[in-house]
Protein backbone atom coordinates (compact mmCIF):
# COMPACT_ATOMS: atom_id res chain seq x y z
CA MET A 1 -0.04 0.04 -0.15
CA GLU A 2 1.32 3.33 -1.11
CA ALA A 3 1.82 6.73 1.03
CA HIS A 4 -1.59 8.17 -1.22
CA GLU A 5 -3.62 5.23 -0.72
CA LEU A 6 -2.66 5.37 3.23
CA ASN A 7 -3.75 9.32 3.13
CA ASP A 8 -6.71 8.48 1.20
CA TYR A 9 -8.02 5.68 3.74
CA ARG A 10 -7.20 8.10 6.86
CA GLU A 11 -9.49 10.76 5.16
CA HIS A 12 -12.10 8.44 4.71
CA LEU A 13 -12.01 7.00 8.28
CA LEU A 14 -12.19 10.75 9.74
CA ASP A 15 -15.22 11.58 7.51
CA ALA A 16 -16.81 8.54 8.72
CA LEU A 17 -16.11 9.43 12.20
CA GLU A 18 -17.74 12.80 11.85
CA ASP A 19 -20.69 11.24 10.37
CA GLN A 20 -21.13 8.78 13.32
CA PRO A 21 -22.87 11.16 15.75
CA ARG A 22 -25.58 12.02 13.21
CA ARG A 23 -26.13 8.49 12.36
CA VAL A 24 -26.06 7.44 15.96
CA ALA A 25 -28.79 10.20 16.77
CA ALA A 26 -31.07 9.17 13.85
CA GLU A 27 -30.61 5.59 14.54
CA ARG A 28 -33.54 3.92 16.48
CA PRO A 29 -33.06 0.49 18.75
CA GLY A 30 -34.05 -2.18 16.09
CA LEU A 31 -31.75 -5.23 16.52
CA LEU A 32 -29.08 -5.38 19.60
CA GLN A 33 -26.66 -7.68 19.66
CA VAL A 34 -25.76 -9.32 22.92
CA LEU A 35 -21.86 -10.40 23.78
CA VAL A 36 -21.22 -12.58 26.69
CA ASN A 37 -17.45 -12.97 27.61
CA HIS A 38 -16.73 -10.89 24.49
CA GLU A 39 -18.46 -13.56 22.12
CA ARG A 40 -21.61 -13.18 20.38
CA VAL A 41 -24.44 -15.20 21.89
CA GLY A 42 -27.44 -13.72 20.10
CA THR A 43 -29.72 -10.64 19.08
CA LEU A 44 -32.70 -8.69 20.95
CA ASN A 45 -35.24 -7.33 18.67
CA CYS A 46 -36.42 -4.19 20.42
CA VAL A 47 -39.57 -3.86 17.85
CA GLY A 48 -40.81 -6.78 18.61
CA ASP A 49 -43.99 -7.88 20.66
CA ASP A 50 -41.76 -9.61 23.40
CA PRO A 51 -38.42 -7.71 23.35
CA SER A 52 -36.45 -10.30 25.66
CA PHE A 53 -33.55 -12.33 25.37
CA ASN A 54 -32.70 -15.42 27.62
CA PHE A 55 -29.15 -17.26 27.58
CA THR A 56 -27.64 -19.96 29.70
CA THR A 57 -24.18 -21.41 30.24
CA ARG A 58 -22.78 -24.35 31.48
CA GLU A 59 -19.13 -24.26 30.93
CA ARG A 60 -18.44 -21.07 32.55
CA SER A 61 -19.95 -17.94 34.68
CA ILE A 62 -20.62 -14.83 32.81
CA GLN A 63 -17.93 -12.54 33.58
CA ASN A 64 -18.62 -9.65 30.86
CA LEU A 65 -21.53 -8.55 29.14
CA GLU A 66 -21.61 -5.95 26.16
CA ILE A 67 -24.55 -4.55 24.29
CA ARG A 68 -23.99 -3.35 20.83
CA SER A 69 -26.10 -1.95 18.08
CA GLU A 70 -26.35 -3.53 14.95
CA ALA A 71 -23.87 -1.51 13.31
CA GLY A 72 -21.34 -2.70 15.94
CA ILE A 73 -21.35 0.48 18.14
CA LEU A 74 -21.25 -0.49 22.09
CA LEU A 75 -24.31 0.99 23.77
CA GLY A 76 -23.51 -0.41 27.41
CA GLY A 77 -22.25 -3.45 29.37
CA CYS A 78 -21.21 -4.65 32.97
CA VAL A 79 -18.74 -6.98 34.77
CA ALA A 80 -20.30 -9.44 37.01
CA PRO A 81 -19.00 -11.34 39.68
CA GLU A 82 -18.32 -14.97 39.44
CA ALA A 83 -20.82 -16.13 41.87
CA GLY A 84 -23.81 -14.12 42.79
CA ALA A 85 -26.50 -11.83 40.88
CA LYS A 86 -25.98 -8.54 39.29
CA HIS A 87 -28.60 -6.18 37.69
CA VAL A 88 -27.85 -3.38 35.03
CA ARG A 89 -30.00 -0.91 33.57
CA ILE A 90 -28.79 0.48 30.30
CA SER A 91 -30.45 3.67 28.59
CA ILE A 92 -30.64 2.94 25.03
CA GLY A 93 -32.36 6.08 23.24
CA LYS A 94 -35.43 6.90 24.96
CA GLY A 95 -35.96 3.23 26.29
CA THR A 96 -34.26 1.17 28.95
CA LEU A 97 -32.71 -2.16 29.02
CA ASP A 98 -32.96 -4.35 32.15
CA ALA A 99 -29.94 -6.79 32.24
CA GLN A 100 -30.29 -9.60 35.14
CA ILE A 101 -27.23 -12.05 35.52
CA GLN A 102 -26.97 -15.00 38.02
CA ASN A 103 -23.83 -16.53 38.27
CA ARG A 104 -23.02 -20.13 39.67
CA PHE A 105 -20.00 -22.16 40.07
CA ASP A 106 -21.02 -24.50 37.23
CA GLY A 107 -22.37 -21.69 34.86
CA GLY A 108 -24.63 -18.68 34.84
CA SER A 109 -27.89 -17.27 33.32
CA LEU A 110 -28.73 -13.96 31.35
CA GLN A 111 -32.04 -12.35 31.23
CA VAL A 112 -32.37 -9.13 29.05
CA ARG A 113 -35.56 -7.15 28.36
CA TYR A 114 -35.86 -3.93 26.59
CA ALA A 115 -38.68 -1.40 27.83
CA PRO A 116 -39.50 1.35 25.42
CA ALA A 117 -40.27 4.79 26.80
CA PRO A 118 -43.82 5.43 27.67
CA ARG A 119 -46.05 7.71 25.40
CA TRP A 120 -47.32 11.09 26.47
CA TRP A 121 -50.97 10.26 27.06
CA THR A 122 -49.86 7.27 29.36
CA GLN A 123 -48.03 9.83 31.32
CA VAL A 124 -50.99 12.21 31.58
CA ALA A 125 -53.38 9.66 32.35
CA ALA A 126 -51.28 8.45 35.22
CA GLY A 127 -50.85 11.94 36.58
CA LEU A 128 -54.57 12.94 36.31
CA PHE A 129 -55.87 9.46 37.57
CA PRO A 130 -53.69 8.55 40.22
CA GLY A 131 -56.82 6.70 41.82
CA THR A 132 -60.36 6.60 41.16
CA ALA A 133 -63.11 8.19 43.64
CA VAL A 134 -66.72 7.32 43.94
CA PRO A 135 -69.23 10.40 44.54
CA THR A 136 -71.51 9.78 47.56
CA GLY A 137 -74.81 11.87 46.45
CA THR A 138 -76.72 11.35 43.37
CA HIS A 139 -77.56 15.29 42.51
CA ARG A 140 -74.34 16.30 43.59
CA GLY A 141 -72.62 13.92 41.29
CA PHE A 142 -73.39 15.29 37.75
CA ALA A 143 -72.26 18.54 39.09
CA ILE A 144 -69.12 17.24 40.32
CA ALA A 145 -68.92 15.07 37.09
CA GLY A 146 -69.29 18.08 35.05
CA ALA A 147 -66.72 20.12 36.90
CA PHE A 148 -64.39 17.40 36.83
CA ALA A 149 -64.65 16.93 33.08
CA GLN A 150 -63.96 20.28 32.53
CA VAL A 151 -61.13 20.41 34.50
CA VAL A 152 -59.67 17.11 32.90
CA LEU A 153 -60.28 18.75 29.34
CA ALA A 154 -58.46 21.67 30.76
CA VAL A 155 -55.84 19.94 32.10
CA GLY A 156 -55.61 17.76 28.92
CA MET A 157 -55.29 20.61 26.68
CA THR A 158 -52.59 22.22 28.70
CA ALA A 159 -50.55 18.92 28.95
CA LEU A 160 -51.25 18.59 25.20
CA LEU A 161 -49.92 22.14 24.48
CA ALA A 162 -47.05 21.63 27.10
CA GLU A 163 -46.00 18.48 25.14
CA ARG A 164 -46.75 19.49 21.58
CA VAL A 165 -45.12 22.68 21.74
CA PRO A 166 -41.37 21.72 22.53
CA ILE A 167 -41.94 18.96 19.92
CA TRP A 168 -43.30 21.49 17.46
CA LEU A 169 -40.12 23.77 18.36
CA GLY A 170 -37.77 21.04 18.24
CA TRP A 171 -36.68 21.50 21.83
CA ASP A 172 -36.99 17.69 22.97
CA ASP A 173 -35.56 16.23 19.89
CA ARG A 174 -32.46 18.94 19.80
CA ALA A 175 -31.58 18.64 23.67
CA HIS A 176 -32.02 14.86 23.16
CA GLN A 177 -29.98 14.75 20.04
CA VAL A 178 -27.15 17.25 21.65
CA GLU A 179 -26.91 14.61 24.26
CA GLU A 180 -26.29 11.66 21.99
CA GLU A 181 -23.76 14.17 19.95
CA GLN A 182 -22.08 14.90 23.11
CA ALA A 183 -21.84 11.31 23.94
CA ALA A 184 -20.98 10.17 20.61
CA ARG A 185 -18.42 12.98 19.89
CA GLU A 186 -16.74 11.90 23.54
CA LEU A 187 -16.78 8.36 21.93
CA ASN A 188 -15.44 9.19 18.51
CA ASP A 189 -12.49 11.18 19.98
CA GLN A 190 -11.47 8.01 21.84
CA GLN A 191 -11.76 6.16 18.50
CA ILE A 192 -10.13 8.73 16.53
CA ASP A 193 -7.03 8.83 18.83
CA ARG A 194 -7.20 4.98 18.82
CA LEU A 195 -7.33 5.13 14.95
CA HIS A 196 -4.42 7.52 15.02
CA GLN A 197 -2.63 5.27 16.96
CA GLN A 198 -3.69 2.38 14.66
CA LEU A 199 -2.63 4.28 11.78
CA ALA A 200 0.54 5.39 13.14
CA GLN A 201 1.36 1.51 13.77
CA LEU A 202 0.22 1.03 10.45
CA ALA A 203 2.60 3.37 8.72
CA GLU A 204 5.33 1.90 10.92
CA ALA A 205 4.56 -1.44 10.26
CA GLN A 206 4.36 -0.56 6.43
CA ALA A 207 7.82 1.03 6.50
CA SER A 208 9.16 -1.92 8.23
CA ALA A 209 7.51 -4.27 5.54
CA ILE A 210 9.14 -2.15 2.76
CA ALA A 211 12.33 -2.22 4.42
CA ALA A 212 12.13 -5.61 4.81
CA SER A 213 11.05 -6.26 1.37
CA ARG A 214 14.03 -4.03 0.13
CA THR A 215 16.34 -6.13 2.42
CA GLY A 216 14.93 -9.37 1.18
CA GLN A 217 15.43 -8.17 -2.41
CA GLU A 218 18.98 -7.38 -1.64
CA GLN A 219 19.67 -10.39 0.09
CA LEU A 220 18.11 -12.13 -3.03
CA VAL A 221 20.41 -10.30 -5.10
CA GLN A 222 23.33 -11.22 -2.99
CA LEU A 223 22.28 -14.97 -2.68
CA SER A 224 22.03 -14.91 -6.76
CA ARG A 225 25.74 -13.51 -6.61
CA LEU A 226 26.53 -15.91 -4.08
CA VAL A 227 25.44 -18.85 -6.24
CA ASP A 228 26.91 -17.72 -9.13
CA GLY A 229 30.14 -17.48 -7.66
CA LEU A 230 29.97 -21.02 -5.88
CA ALA A 231 28.93 -22.30 -9.56
CA HIS A 232 32.02 -20.67 -10.89
CA ALA A 233 34.22 -21.96 -7.52
CA GLN A 234 32.72 -25.25 -8.16
CA GLN A 235 33.63 -25.50 -11.98
CA LYS A 236 37.22 -24.08 -10.83
CA LEU A 237 37.41 -26.90 -8.04
CA ASN A 238 36.48 -29.73 -10.48
CA ALA A 239 39.20 -28.49 -12.95
CA GLN A 240 41.96 -28.29 -10.16
CA VAL A 241 40.70 -31.99 -9.14
CA VAL A 242 41.18 -33.08 -12.47
CA ASN A 243 44.55 -31.53 -12.78
CA VAL A 244 45.70 -32.99 -9.22
CA GLN A 245 44.58 -36.32 -10.68
CA ASP A 246 46.60 -36.07 -13.91
CA GLU A 247 49.59 -34.71 -11.38
CA LEU A 248 49.08 -37.76 -8.80
CA LEU A 249 49.02 -40.26 -11.77
CA THR A 250 52.42 -38.59 -13.11
CA ALA A 251 53.86 -38.40 -9.62
CA LYS A 252 52.85 -41.75 -9.08
CA ALA A 253 54.54 -43.04 -11.91
CA THR A 254 57.56 -41.20 -11.32
CA ALA A 255 58.05 -41.99 -7.69
CA SER A 256 57.70 -45.79 -9.04
CA GLN A 257 60.61 -45.24 -11.17
CA GLU A 258 62.45 -43.53 -8.59
CA LEU A 259 61.86 -45.99 -6.28
CA GLN A 260 63.08 -48.67 -8.58
CA GLU A 261 66.16 -46.87 -9.20
CA GLY A 262 66.76 -46.03 -5.64
CA LEU A 263 66.31 -49.86 -5.01
CA ARG A 264 68.70 -50.76 -7.32
CA THR A 265 71.41 -48.21 -6.12
CA VAL A 266 70.71 -49.23 -2.58
CA ALA A 267 71.22 -52.85 -3.59
CA SER A 268 74.32 -52.12 -5.36
CA LYS A 269 75.75 -50.00 -2.41
CA ALA A 270 74.75 -52.71 -0.27
CA GLU A 271 76.56 -55.13 -2.13
CA THR A 272 79.79 -52.92 -2.23
CA ASP A 273 79.46 -52.42 1.51
CA ARG A 274 79.23 -56.27 2.20
CA ALA A 275 82.30 -56.77 0.13
CA GLN A 276 83.94 -53.85 1.90
CA VAL A 277 82.90 -55.43 5.41
CA ALA A 278 84.27 -58.86 4.52
CA GLN A 279 87.44 -57.07 3.41
CA ASP A 280 87.52 -55.33 6.81
CA ILE A 281 87.19 -58.49 8.65
CA SER A 282 89.71 -60.37 6.98
CA THR A 283 92.02 -57.44 7.61
CA VAL A 284 90.78 -57.43 11.24
CA LYS A 285 91.28 -60.93 11.58
CA THR A 286 95.10 -60.23 10.51
CA VAL A 287 95.78 -57.52 12.54
CA ASN A 288 94.22 -59.44 15.37
CA GLU A 289 96.65 -62.54 14.90
CA THR A 290 99.45 -59.92 15.04
CA LEU A 291 98.56 -58.77 18.09
CA ILE A 292 97.98 -61.96 19.66
CA LYS A 293 101.63 -62.83 18.39
CA GLN A 294 102.82 -59.29 20.02
CA VAL A 295 100.86 -59.95 23.47
CA ALA A 296 102.42 -63.48 23.56
CA LEU A 297 105.98 -62.15 22.95
CA LEU A 298 105.45 -59.15 25.42
CA GLU A 299 104.44 -61.90 28.02
CA SER A 300 107.44 -63.96 27.29
CA ARG A 301 109.53 -60.80 28.00
CA ASN A 302 107.64 -60.24 31.07
CA ARG A 303 108.37 -63.51 32.48
CA GLU A 304 111.92 -63.20 31.40
CA LEU A 305 112.38 -59.79 33.39
CA HIS A 306 110.84 -61.52 36.53
CA ALA A 307 113.15 -64.20 36.24
CA ARG A 308 116.07 -61.62 36.03
CA LEU A 309 114.92 -59.98 38.62
CA ALA A 310 114.44 -62.57 41.41
CA LEU A 311 118.00 -63.65 40.26
CA ALA A 312 119.36 -60.47 40.87
CA SER A 313 117.70 -60.13 44.24
CA LEU A 314 118.86 -63.64 45.45
CA GLU A 315 122.60 -62.65 44.25
CA VAL A 316 122.21 -59.54 46.16
CA ALA A 317 120.72 -61.28 49.39
CA LYS A 318 123.73 -63.91 49.29
CA ALA A 319 126.20 -61.22 48.88
CA THR A 320 124.85 -59.08 51.60
CA ALA A 321 124.81 -61.95 54.05
CA ALA A 322 128.42 -63.80 53.33
CA ALA A 323 130.65 -60.97 52.88
CA SER A 324 132.48 -58.39 55.16
CA LYS A 325 132.06 -54.75 55.38
CA PRO A 326 134.62 -54.06 52.53
CA THR A 327 133.08 -56.47 50.47
CA VAL A 328 129.64 -55.05 51.22
CA VAL A 329 131.39 -51.67 49.68
CA ALA A 330 132.43 -53.81 46.60
CA SER A 331 129.43 -55.88 46.26
CA ALA A 332 127.07 -52.61 46.65
CA GLU A 333 128.26 -51.51 43.52
CA PRO A 334 126.79 -53.92 40.97
CA PRO A 335 123.34 -53.46 42.39
CA LYS A 336 123.99 -49.67 41.44
CA GLU A 337 125.24 -50.69 37.90
CA THR A 338 122.03 -53.02 37.82
CA ALA A 339 119.76 -50.22 39.24
CA ILE A 340 121.31 -47.85 36.75
CA PRO A 341 119.58 -49.66 33.60
CA VAL A 342 116.07 -49.55 35.29
CA SER A 343 116.04 -45.82 36.24
CA THR A 344 117.22 -44.78 32.82
CA ALA A 345 114.39 -47.47 31.42
CA GLU A 346 111.83 -45.44 33.38
CA ALA A 347 113.26 -42.33 32.31
CA HIS A 348 113.12 -43.30 28.75
CA ARG A 349 109.49 -44.53 29.15
CA ASP A 350 108.41 -41.16 30.79
CA ALA A 351 110.20 -39.31 27.65
CA ASP A 352 108.78 -41.51 25.28
CA PRO A 353 105.04 -41.90 25.90
CA GLN A 354 103.46 -45.42 24.95
CA ALA A 355 100.66 -44.98 21.90
CA PHE A 356 97.18 -46.39 22.67
CA MET A 357 94.49 -47.02 20.15
CA PHE A 358 90.89 -47.77 20.88
CA TRP A 359 87.59 -47.82 19.09
CA VAL A 360 84.82 -45.34 20.20
CA SER A 361 80.94 -44.94 18.77
CA PHE A 362 78.99 -41.99 19.37
CA GLU A 363 75.36 -41.10 19.88
CA ASP A 364 72.94 -40.68 16.76
CA GLY A 365 73.02 -37.24 15.41
CA THR A 366 76.10 -36.05 16.92
CA PRO A 367 77.89 -33.28 14.84
CA ASP A 368 81.27 -33.36 14.04
CA LYS A 369 82.67 -30.54 15.75
CA SER A 370 81.38 -32.10 19.02
CA ILE A 371 83.23 -35.10 18.00
CA GLU A 372 86.74 -33.20 17.23
CA GLU A 373 86.15 -31.22 20.50
CA LEU A 374 86.24 -34.48 22.38
CA ILE A 375 89.20 -35.62 20.80
CA GLN A 376 91.02 -32.76 21.05
CA GLU A 377 90.33 -33.04 24.85
CA ILE A 378 91.68 -36.32 25.62
CA HIS A 379 94.84 -35.25 23.18
CA GLY A 380 93.94 -37.94 20.63
CA THR A 381 93.96 -38.59 16.90
CA LYS A 382 91.74 -39.96 14.65
CA LYS A 383 93.01 -42.83 12.51
CA GLY A 384 91.12 -42.80 8.97
CA PRO A 385 87.52 -42.47 8.40
CA ALA A 386 84.55 -43.84 10.37
CA LYS A 387 83.61 -47.30 9.46
CA SER A 388 79.98 -48.58 10.69
CA GLY A 389 79.62 -45.55 13.23
CA TRP A 390 82.86 -46.51 14.59
CA TYR A 391 85.97 -44.25 14.90
CA SER A 392 89.55 -45.57 15.37
CA VAL A 393 91.37 -43.08 18.03
CA GLU A 394 94.91 -43.08 19.20
CA VAL A 395 96.52 -41.59 22.32
CA ASN A 396 99.53 -41.17 24.12
CA LEU A 397 99.55 -41.44 27.67
CA PRO A 398 102.51 -39.68 28.95
CA GLN A 399 102.25 -40.67 32.92
CA PRO A 400 101.52 -44.18 33.92
CA GLU A 401 97.72 -43.74 34.05
CA PRO A 402 95.58 -47.16 33.78
CA ARG A 403 93.96 -47.78 30.44
CA ASP A 404 90.69 -48.76 32.37
CA ARG A 405 90.44 -45.46 34.24
CA PHE A 406 91.06 -43.64 30.95
CA LEU A 407 88.24 -45.49 29.21
CA GLU A 408 85.64 -44.89 31.97
CA SER A 409 86.33 -41.43 31.62
CA VAL A 410 85.59 -41.13 27.92
CA LYS A 411 82.39 -43.46 28.39
CA ARG A 412 81.12 -40.92 30.75
CA ALA A 413 81.08 -38.08 27.92
CA LYS A 414 77.44 -37.45 27.12
CA ILE A 415 77.98 -37.89 23.27
CA VAL A 416 79.79 -41.42 23.37
CA LYS A 417 77.65 -44.45 23.10
CA ALA A 418 80.12 -47.25 23.50
CA VAL A 419 84.36 -47.60 23.80
CA ALA A 420 85.96 -50.71 22.52
CA THR A 421 90.08 -51.84 23.15
CA SER A 422 92.03 -53.57 20.61
CA LYS A 423 91.44 -56.88 22.66
CA VAL A 424 87.89 -56.52 22.22
CA MET A 425 86.99 -55.64 18.72
CA PRO A 426 83.80 -53.62 17.95
CA PRO A 427 80.79 -55.68 16.68
CA ALA A 428 80.54 -53.85 13.27
CA GLN A 429 84.23 -54.35 12.31
């Protein structure tokens, strides 16, 4: 609905509200709508022979009663208690409406009766003849009757004129009309305010609906763009999947070829390493046999030296026990000559340190710099490249330090994995 249509509809409602007081004043009670608990339960015909209406409910009590005209205008109503009786009299036009409500805990009943306004002659008769009196005398009765008839006629004429003059002048209808217009105007003001609020709410709802519609259209446009982008991305993704599949097939073939070549290379290198290991084993066996021979020779020399030492000690003991003092002096010279070679040999040994070679294996991932620093720290020298993770190292021990203690100090290093001597060959050699 556009703005000009809303303005036209608003003007139409305002014109209808301005015309409503005149319609209410001109309207006479005909059919009245009866609403119980905001629900229409029937109609009351005010122009019929028996303008009454009865209603009974067994579901719930009658809490709210509304009387509306045939056009839906609220004429009156009341609120009744949940249990007990309620009597209401509502003025409708020139008549009155009596409503009797009787509520119980299991339901309620309603009796509505419309009483139209009494005519003028009924009011005059009620005022002039409040009661009837019977005259006591016969002669005086005619005189009294004639006087009474004249008085009645005068009073009737006066009452007729008093009733008709305001009607001719329109005072009564005009006053009643003014009252109805005033009541209708007050009711219309409330309805106009309510309509203004409803129109403002309707305008706000329309603006919200228009904004929501525009937002929905923008979202639809964005959604269509998003769908197009997704379709384009799906096409790109499909093309990339095809390319990746082709690359995977190519990489698979290339990797298979490289794997076969690598296996061949590894097999050939393993064969070469095997031959080299066999050659190293034979060399080690030869060296081992040579070392065994040298050890046997050294042991025989050691036994010979022990025997010589024992013989020299025995000769010195005999010479000391049998000889005299000059003899002791003379015999003391040979031991001095015998001791001279021993001290000379020890000095020669200290001056010429004995070379000691052993094999050492380091932890995996140990850098070469750390290995070189350790070898320099123990004053050693590497002999040849590493074979199967073992390094051959040669050190000089200038002082008579036990080899076992030296090897234990080397094993305590963090980067050293294992140490082997020449007598016990490393497993990989």
